Protein backbone atom coordinates (compact mmCIF):
# COMPACT_ATOMS: atom_id res chain seq x y z
CA UNK A 1 57.01 23.13 18.09
CA UNK A 2 57.88 23.71 14.37
CA UNK A 3 60.64 20.89 13.93
CA UNK A 4 60.52 17.11 14.69
CA UNK A 5 62.80 14.10 13.81
CA UNK A 6 62.17 12.06 10.95
CA UNK A 7 64.89 9.12 10.71
CA UNK A 8 67.04 11.58 12.74
CA UNK A 9 66.75 14.36 10.26
CA UNK A 10 65.08 17.65 11.42
CA UNK A 11 61.86 18.30 9.60
CA UNK A 12 59.86 21.29 9.59
CA UNK A 13 55.79 20.96 10.37
CA UNK A 14 55.02 22.84 6.96
CA UNK A 15 57.02 19.88 5.12
CA UNK A 16 55.49 16.82 7.42
CA UNK A 17 52.15 17.91 6.68
CA UNK A 18 51.74 17.79 3.02
CA UNK A 19 54.44 14.77 2.99
CA UNK A 20 52.39 12.82 5.55
CA UNK A 21 49.28 13.57 3.56
CA UNK A 22 50.65 12.48 0.12
CA UNK A 23 52.07 9.25 1.43
CA UNK A 24 48.74 8.33 3.05
CA UNK A 25 46.79 9.35 -0.30
CA UNK A 26 49.11 7.55 -2.61
CA UNK A 27 49.19 4.29 -0.74
CA UNK A 28 45.25 4.05 -0.26
CA UNK A 29 44.54 5.05 -3.83
CA UNK A 30 47.22 2.43 -4.71
CA UNK A 31 45.53 -0.04 -2.45
CA UNK A 32 41.92 0.83 -4.00
CA UNK A 33 43.31 0.56 -7.46
CA UNK A 34 44.57 -2.96 -6.93
CA UNK A 35 41.50 -4.13 -4.98
CA UNK A 36 39.20 -2.92 -7.40
CA UNK A 37 40.83 -4.42 -10.16
CA UNK A 38 40.48 -8.00 -8.75
CA UNK A 39 37.05 -7.35 -7.52
CA UNK A 40 36.32 -6.30 -11.17
CA UNK A 41 37.46 -9.86 -12.54
CA UNK A 42 35.54 -11.53 -9.82
CA UNK A 43 32.42 -9.87 -10.62
CA UNK A 44 32.48 -10.18 -14.29
CA UNK A 45 32.08 -14.14 -13.83
CA UNK A 46 28.86 -13.71 -11.66
CA UNK A 47 25.64 -13.64 -13.20
CA UNK A 48 24.18 -10.67 -11.01
CA UNK A 49 24.81 -7.09 -12.07
CA UNK A 50 24.25 -6.02 -8.15
CA UNK A 51 27.89 -6.37 -7.55
CA UNK A 52 29.27 -4.43 -10.78
CA UNK A 53 26.62 -1.73 -9.75
CA UNK A 54 28.12 -1.35 -6.17
CA UNK A 55 31.72 -1.46 -7.38
CA UNK A 56 30.79 1.30 -9.58
CA UNK A 57 28.87 3.24 -7.24
CA UNK A 58 31.68 3.06 -4.83
CA UNK A 59 34.74 3.99 -6.85
CA UNK A 60 34.33 8.01 -6.91
CA UNK A 61 32.92 8.34 -3.38
CA UNK A 62 35.74 5.97 -2.15
CA UNK A 63 38.04 8.30 -3.71
CA UNK A 64 36.79 11.13 -2.03
CA UNK A 65 37.00 9.44 1.16
CA UNK A 66 40.68 9.08 0.75
CA UNK A 67 41.50 12.33 -0.06
CA UNK A 68 39.40 13.63 2.88
CA UNK A 69 40.76 10.84 5.37
CA UNK A 70 44.64 12.24 4.67
CA UNK A 71 43.68 15.24 6.76
CA UNK A 72 42.26 13.15 9.68
CA UNK A 73 45.33 10.96 9.54
CA UNK A 74 47.62 13.66 9.60
CA UNK A 75 45.91 15.41 12.77
CA UNK A 76 46.25 12.07 14.25
CA UNK A 77 49.80 11.30 13.42
CA UNK A 78 51.08 14.94 13.85
CA UNK A 79 49.83 15.48 17.56
CA UNK A 80 52.80 17.53 18.58
CA UNK A 81 51.77 20.35 16.21
CA UNK A 82 50.40 23.37 17.58
CA UNK A 83 48.37 24.40 14.91
CA UNK A 84 44.95 23.51 16.67
CA UNK A 85 42.99 25.61 14.58
CA UNK A 86 44.31 23.72 11.04
CA UNK A 87 43.27 20.49 12.82
CA UNK A 88 39.87 21.53 13.77
CA UNK A 89 39.64 22.34 9.96
CA UNK A 90 40.79 18.76 9.08
CA UNK A 91 38.11 17.27 11.28
CA UNK A 92 35.20 19.34 9.85
CA UNK A 93 36.31 18.63 5.98
CA UNK A 94 36.64 14.86 6.72
CA UNK A 95 33.17 14.54 8.17
CA UNK A 96 31.65 16.97 5.50
CA UNK A 97 33.52 14.83 2.76
CA UNK A 98 31.85 11.34 4.18
CA UNK A 99 28.73 12.37 4.42
CA UNK A 100 28.83 13.98 0.82
CA UNK A 101 30.74 10.55 -0.51
CA UNK A 102 27.89 8.36 1.25
CA UNK A 103 25.09 10.59 -0.45
CA UNK A 104 26.73 10.30 -3.69
CA UNK A 105 26.93 6.37 -3.16
CA UNK A 106 23.54 5.90 -2.24
CA UNK A 107 22.53 8.27 -5.41
CA UNK A 108 24.84 6.58 -7.93
CA UNK A 109 23.65 3.14 -6.91
CA UNK A 110 20.04 3.80 -6.69
CA UNK A 111 20.23 5.57 -10.15
CA UNK A 112 22.18 2.47 -11.39
CA UNK A 113 19.72 0.14 -10.40
CA UNK A 114 16.61 1.89 -12.15
CA UNK A 115 18.77 2.27 -15.43
CA UNK A 116 19.54 -1.53 -15.20
CA UNK A 117 15.96 -3.00 -14.33
CA UNK A 118 14.12 -0.17 -15.90
CA UNK A 119 13.26 -2.67 -19.09
CA UNK A 120 11.14 -4.94 -16.52
CA UNK A 121 9.25 -1.98 -15.41
CA UNK A 122 7.14 -0.43 -17.91
CA UNK A 123 6.39 3.05 -16.08
CA UNK A 124 9.90 3.30 -15.63
CA UNK A 125 10.84 2.34 -19.19
CA UNK A 126 8.77 4.91 -20.52
CA UNK A 127 10.01 7.92 -18.42
CA UNK A 128 13.62 6.91 -16.86
CA UNK A 129 14.63 10.45 -16.72
CA UNK A 130 11.43 11.36 -14.67
CA UNK A 131 12.21 8.50 -12.07
CA UNK A 132 15.70 9.03 -11.69
CA UNK A 133 15.02 12.98 -11.20
CA UNK A 134 12.79 12.01 -8.43
CA UNK A 135 14.85 9.51 -6.61
CA UNK A 136 17.88 11.88 -6.85
CA UNK A 137 15.62 14.56 -5.17
CA UNK A 138 14.55 12.22 -2.34
CA UNK A 139 18.08 11.12 -1.86
CA UNK A 140 19.75 14.59 -2.05
CA UNK A 141 16.87 15.98 0.58
CA UNK A 142 17.68 13.23 2.83
CA UNK A 143 21.09 13.70 2.62
CA UNK A 144 20.91 17.51 3.02
CA UNK A 145 18.95 16.78 6.44
CA UNK A 146 21.62 14.58 7.57
CA UNK A 147 24.23 16.79 6.61
CA UNK A 148 22.50 19.71 8.71
CA UNK A 149 22.06 17.43 11.73
CA UNK A 150 25.53 16.38 11.66
CA UNK A 151 26.83 19.89 12.05
CA UNK A 152 24.20 20.72 15.03
CA UNK A 153 21.51 22.32 12.84
CA UNK A 154 17.90 21.68 14.21
CA UNK A 155 15.92 19.75 11.65
CA UNK A 156 12.50 19.75 13.37
CA UNK A 157 11.54 23.13 11.63
CA UNK A 158 12.54 22.07 8.60
CA UNK A 159 10.44 18.58 8.90
CA UNK A 160 7.66 20.83 10.03
CA UNK A 161 8.10 22.78 7.23
CA UNK A 162 8.09 20.14 4.70
CA UNK A 163 5.15 18.42 6.17
CA UNK A 164 2.70 21.50 6.10
CA UNK A 165 4.02 22.10 2.51
CA UNK A 166 3.37 18.44 1.38
CA UNK A 167 -0.12 18.91 2.60
CA UNK A 168 -0.46 22.05 0.63
CA UNK A 169 0.79 20.40 -2.49
CA UNK A 170 -1.31 17.22 -2.09
CA UNK A 171 -4.41 19.12 -1.71
CA UNK A 172 -3.51 21.22 -4.87
CA UNK A 173 -2.28 18.24 -7.21
CA UNK A 174 -4.90 15.47 -5.64
CA UNK A 175 -6.13 14.89 -9.42
CA UNK A 176 -2.52 14.29 -10.56
CA UNK A 177 -1.81 12.36 -7.43
CA UNK A 178 -4.75 10.26 -8.43
CA UNK A 179 -3.55 9.27 -11.70
CA UNK A 180 -0.11 8.66 -10.14
CA UNK A 181 -1.21 6.12 -7.57
CA UNK A 182 -3.55 4.79 -10.23
CA UNK A 183 -0.34 4.38 -12.55
CA UNK A 184 1.31 2.57 -9.45
CA UNK A 185 -1.70 0.20 -8.99
CA UNK A 186 -1.26 -0.65 -13.01
CA UNK A 187 2.19 -1.53 -12.50
CA UNK A 188 1.56 -3.72 -9.40
CA UNK A 189 -1.59 -5.83 -10.43
CA UNK A 190 -0.84 -5.69 -14.02
CA UNK A 191 -4.32 -6.19 -15.42
CA UNK A 192 -2.99 -4.68 -18.83
CA UNK A 193 0.43 -4.23 -19.93
CA UNK A 194 2.25 -2.75 -22.77
CA UNK A 195 1.56 -4.76 -25.92
CA UNK A 196 -1.49 -6.28 -24.69
CA UNK A 197 -4.64 -6.17 -26.92
CA UNK A 198 -7.55 -4.81 -24.53
CA UNK A 199 -11.27 -3.49 -25.22
CA UNK A 200 -12.56 -0.96 -23.18
CA UNK A 201 -15.98 -0.87 -21.26
CA UNK A 202 -16.63 1.98 -23.99
CA UNK A 203 -16.44 -0.46 -26.76
CA UNK A 204 -12.59 0.76 -28.26
CA UNK A 205 -10.55 -2.09 -28.84
CA UNK A 206 -6.49 -1.85 -29.45
CA UNK A 207 -3.15 -2.08 -28.27
CA UNK A 208 -1.63 -0.79 -24.92
CA UNK A 209 1.01 1.33 -26.33
CA UNK A 210 2.45 3.06 -23.14
CA UNK A 211 1.37 3.57 -19.47
CA UNK A 212 2.82 6.33 -17.92
CA UNK A 213 2.93 8.06 -14.75
CA UNK A 214 -0.33 9.99 -14.95
CA UNK A 215 -1.96 8.47 -18.45
CA UNK A 216 -2.12 5.51 -20.57
CA UNK A 217 -2.13 5.55 -24.45
CA UNK A 218 -4.44 3.09 -26.38
CA UNK A 219 -3.34 2.52 -30.27
CA UNK A 220 -6.71 1.25 -32.04
CA UNK A 221 -6.62 -0.64 -35.01
CA UNK A 222 -6.77 2.07 -37.22
CA UNK A 223 -3.61 3.46 -35.86
CA UNK A 224 -5.33 6.16 -33.70
CA UNK A 225 -4.69 6.96 -30.14
CA UNK A 226 -7.11 7.23 -27.10
CA UNK A 227 -5.26 8.77 -23.81
CA UNK A 228 -6.83 7.81 -20.84
CA UNK A 229 -6.06 8.99 -17.39
CA UNK A 230 -4.77 6.18 -15.36
CA UNK A 231 -7.84 6.88 -13.02
CA UNK A 232 -10.08 5.89 -15.28
CA UNK A 233 -8.40 3.07 -16.97
CA UNK A 234 -8.37 1.63 -13.35
CA UNK A 235 -12.06 2.26 -12.61
CA UNK A 236 -13.25 0.96 -15.99
CA UNK A 237 -13.96 -2.75 -16.96
CA UNK A 238 -11.43 -4.15 -19.37
CA UNK A 239 -11.31 -7.31 -21.30
CA UNK A 240 -7.95 -8.17 -21.94
CA UNK A 241 -7.51 -10.34 -24.91
CA UNK A 242 -3.91 -11.49 -23.66
CA UNK A 243 -5.05 -13.21 -20.64
CA UNK A 244 -4.66 -15.87 -19.56
CA UNK A 245 -2.81 -16.50 -22.86
CA UNK A 246 -2.19 -14.60 -26.31
CA UNK A 247 -3.67 -17.30 -28.09
CA UNK A 248 -7.20 -17.47 -28.54
CA UNK A 249 -10.29 -19.48 -29.89
CA UNK A 250 -11.58 -18.20 -33.08
CA UNK A 251 -15.42 -19.04 -33.68
CA UNK A 252 -17.30 -19.04 -37.09
CA UNK A 253 -20.65 -19.54 -37.34
CA UNK A 254 -22.05 -21.67 -40.31
CA UNK A 255 -25.50 -22.89 -41.22
CA UNK A 256 -26.22 -25.79 -43.82
CA UNK A 257 -29.50 -27.28 -45.24
CA UNK A 258 -31.63 -29.44 -43.53
CA UNK A 259 -31.33 -32.09 -46.12
CA UNK A 260 -27.47 -32.33 -45.72
CA UNK A 261 -25.31 -35.09 -44.45
CA UNK A 262 -24.04 -33.73 -41.08
CA UNK A 263 -21.54 -36.53 -40.59
CA UNK A 264 -20.07 -35.37 -44.01
CA UNK A 265 -20.55 -32.13 -43.16
CA UNK A 266 -18.50 -32.20 -40.04
CA UNK A 267 -15.79 -33.93 -41.71
CA UNK A 268 -15.33 -31.69 -44.87
CA UNK A 269 -15.63 -28.79 -42.54
CA UNK A 270 -13.07 -30.09 -40.05
CA UNK A 271 -10.62 -30.83 -43.02
CA UNK A 272 -10.91 -27.29 -44.33
CA UNK A 273 -9.94 -26.15 -40.80
CA UNK A 274 -6.95 -28.13 -40.45
CA UNK A 275 -5.79 -26.69 -43.64
CA UNK A 276 -6.41 -23.18 -42.69
CA UNK A 277 -4.66 -23.58 -39.45
CA UNK A 278 -1.55 -25.02 -41.01
CA UNK A 279 -1.44 -22.82 -44.14
CA UNK A 280 -2.71 -19.34 -42.79
CA UNK A 281 -0.42 -16.69 -40.88
CA UNK A 282 -1.56 -16.42 -37.38
CA UNK A 283 -3.22 -19.95 -37.20
CA UNK A 284 -2.09 -22.53 -34.61
CA UNK A 285 -0.69 -25.50 -36.59
CA UNK A 286 -0.92 -28.10 -33.86
CA UNK A 287 -4.42 -27.26 -32.97
CA UNK A 288 -7.27 -29.74 -33.94
CA UNK A 289 -10.29 -27.76 -35.31
CA UNK A 290 -13.84 -29.00 -34.26
CA UNK A 291 -17.66 -28.02 -34.74
CA UNK A 292 -20.66 -28.05 -32.50
CA UNK A 293 -24.00 -28.49 -34.01
CA UNK A 294 -26.06 -25.77 -31.64
CA UNK A 295 -29.47 -24.55 -33.40
CA UNK A 296 -32.47 -25.69 -35.75
CA UNK A 297 -32.88 -22.39 -37.29
CA UNK A 298 -35.82 -21.05 -39.76
CA UNK A 299 -34.04 -22.68 -43.08
CA UNK A 300 -30.55 -23.98 -41.76
CA UNK A 301 -28.96 -26.36 -39.33
CA UNK A 302 -26.43 -24.00 -37.53
CA UNK A 303 -23.12 -25.04 -36.16
CA UNK A 304 -19.89 -22.97 -34.91
CA UNK A 305 -16.52 -23.83 -36.10
CA UNK A 306 -13.73 -23.23 -33.39
CA UNK A 307 -10.44 -22.59 -34.71
CA UNK A 308 -7.32 -20.88 -33.01
CA UNK A 309 -5.36 -17.54 -33.77
CA UNK A 310 -1.94 -16.81 -32.01
CA UNK A 311 -3.20 -13.33 -31.13
CA UNK A 312 -6.58 -11.39 -31.27
CA UNK A 313 -5.80 -9.56 -34.61
CA UNK A 314 -5.13 -12.97 -36.39
CA UNK A 315 -8.50 -14.12 -36.19
CA UNK A 316 -9.77 -11.50 -38.95
CA UNK A 317 -7.45 -13.32 -41.54
CA UNK A 318 -8.20 -16.57 -40.08
CA UNK A 319 -11.76 -16.18 -40.64
CA UNK A 320 -11.26 -14.54 -44.07
CA UNK A 321 -9.41 -17.49 -45.44
CA UNK A 322 -11.57 -19.95 -43.87
CA UNK A 323 -14.75 -18.64 -45.24
CA UNK A 324 -13.43 -18.79 -48.80
CA UNK A 325 -12.05 -21.99 -48.39
CA UNK A 326 -15.12 -23.35 -46.69
CA UNK A 327 -17.48 -22.00 -49.69
CA UNK A 328 -15.36 -23.17 -52.28
CA UNK A 329 -15.16 -26.96 -50.56
CA UNK A 330 -18.89 -27.20 -50.08
CA UNK A 331 -19.51 -26.27 -53.49
CA UNK A 332 -17.31 -29.13 -54.46
CA UNK A 333 -18.94 -31.71 -51.91
CA UNK A 334 -22.33 -30.68 -52.97
CA UNK A 335 -23.30 -29.13 -49.29
CA UNK A 336 -25.66 -26.36 -49.59
CA UNK A 337 -25.83 -23.10 -47.67
CA UNK A 338 -29.31 -22.07 -47.77
CA UNK A 339 -30.67 -18.55 -48.58
CA UNK A 340 -33.06 -17.23 -46.21
CA UNK A 341 -36.63 -19.20 -47.13
CA UNK A 342 -40.04 -17.55 -47.02
CA UNK A 343 -42.74 -19.61 -48.25
CA UNK A 344 -46.39 -17.94 -49.13
CA UNK A 345 -49.21 -20.15 -48.91
CA UNK A 346 -51.62 -18.93 -51.55
CA UNK A 347 -54.63 -21.33 -50.64
CA UNK A 348 -54.34 -20.29 -47.12
CA UNK A 349 -54.57 -16.56 -48.24
CA UNK A 350 -57.53 -17.11 -50.61
CA UNK A 351 -59.62 -18.57 -47.95
CA UNK A 352 -59.44 -15.43 -45.86
CA UNK A 353 -60.23 -13.25 -48.99
CA UNK A 354 -63.70 -11.60 -48.63
CA UNK A 355 -66.38 -13.27 -51.00
CA UNK A 356 -67.40 -10.73 -54.01
CA UNK A 357 -70.50 -8.83 -53.27
CA UNK A 358 -73.62 -9.48 -55.86
CA UNK A 359 -74.09 -6.80 -58.27
CA UNK A 360 -77.59 -5.16 -58.30
CA UNK A 361 -78.90 -4.57 -61.67
CA UNK A 362 -79.48 -0.94 -62.58
CA UNK A 363 -82.99 0.47 -63.83
CA UNK A 364 -83.14 2.22 -66.95
């Protein structure tokens, strides 16, 4: 049947097929555009970005689905046509495009999530291209398996080959995988994060500059870098100066003469500490300094002055300024910081000297 009636007019099948396809695609494309404009206005007023990512990811795959659905509709709307081979191609093409559009939607949506939230995960922030590449390989690989299975191709041998190949790769890349999973452990447990000031078990101190897939970079105060495999960083003991809070106590050890008035010493020292906290960069202005006497030493009474810094590196400047100011103030107040004293008892030492031997007269 090459002709059929359309509003009383004879229309050839070869004209009806493109006409029906064009009308269907045009109507759906227009409807899609109207709906998307409305949805974008709605999602622009929401706080979350997930709906924006969803609409952006669905835009192009939905267009593909509309284009492919035209062939399926043509096959359903024109059952009288005798081109069965052509309709079979329509069905296959429609099925193929639907699967591809779903794969594209998942790929675009997940990669959009990675871009949107990568700043919250340090390892993704440092290497977003690697993360997106791994996700894309996984999505396309799973999509390819679904595509093969949909067209009747057995994927069991493929899965078996992938399993054997994955085992061989895992054995060959065991050190790399150990560092990779150690990096994931650092991300999940968060014992350290980028920007934290830490001290390693080996004694080095510095800022965490980067936590990558396989290694972590520590920037020392002299501006040198230590690059550690993630496995070593996980297995070593770390002192994190940023936990439980960034600010920390700054202790300065001081000693005064035994003849000092300790009440006066405490008052003067706290006054200097308050001044230092308010005027020196890195000090905590509202912190109240205090002192604790702790030792009767050989030549002085020793105590600790407790100040507070906003972060670890501030303690160097705080100690520097506090010692200068305290030394000047002690001199003004007549408070003595004694030198090391060593007393020698000459009488006692003389008592232990051997007695002089009597001289024997010599004969001439």
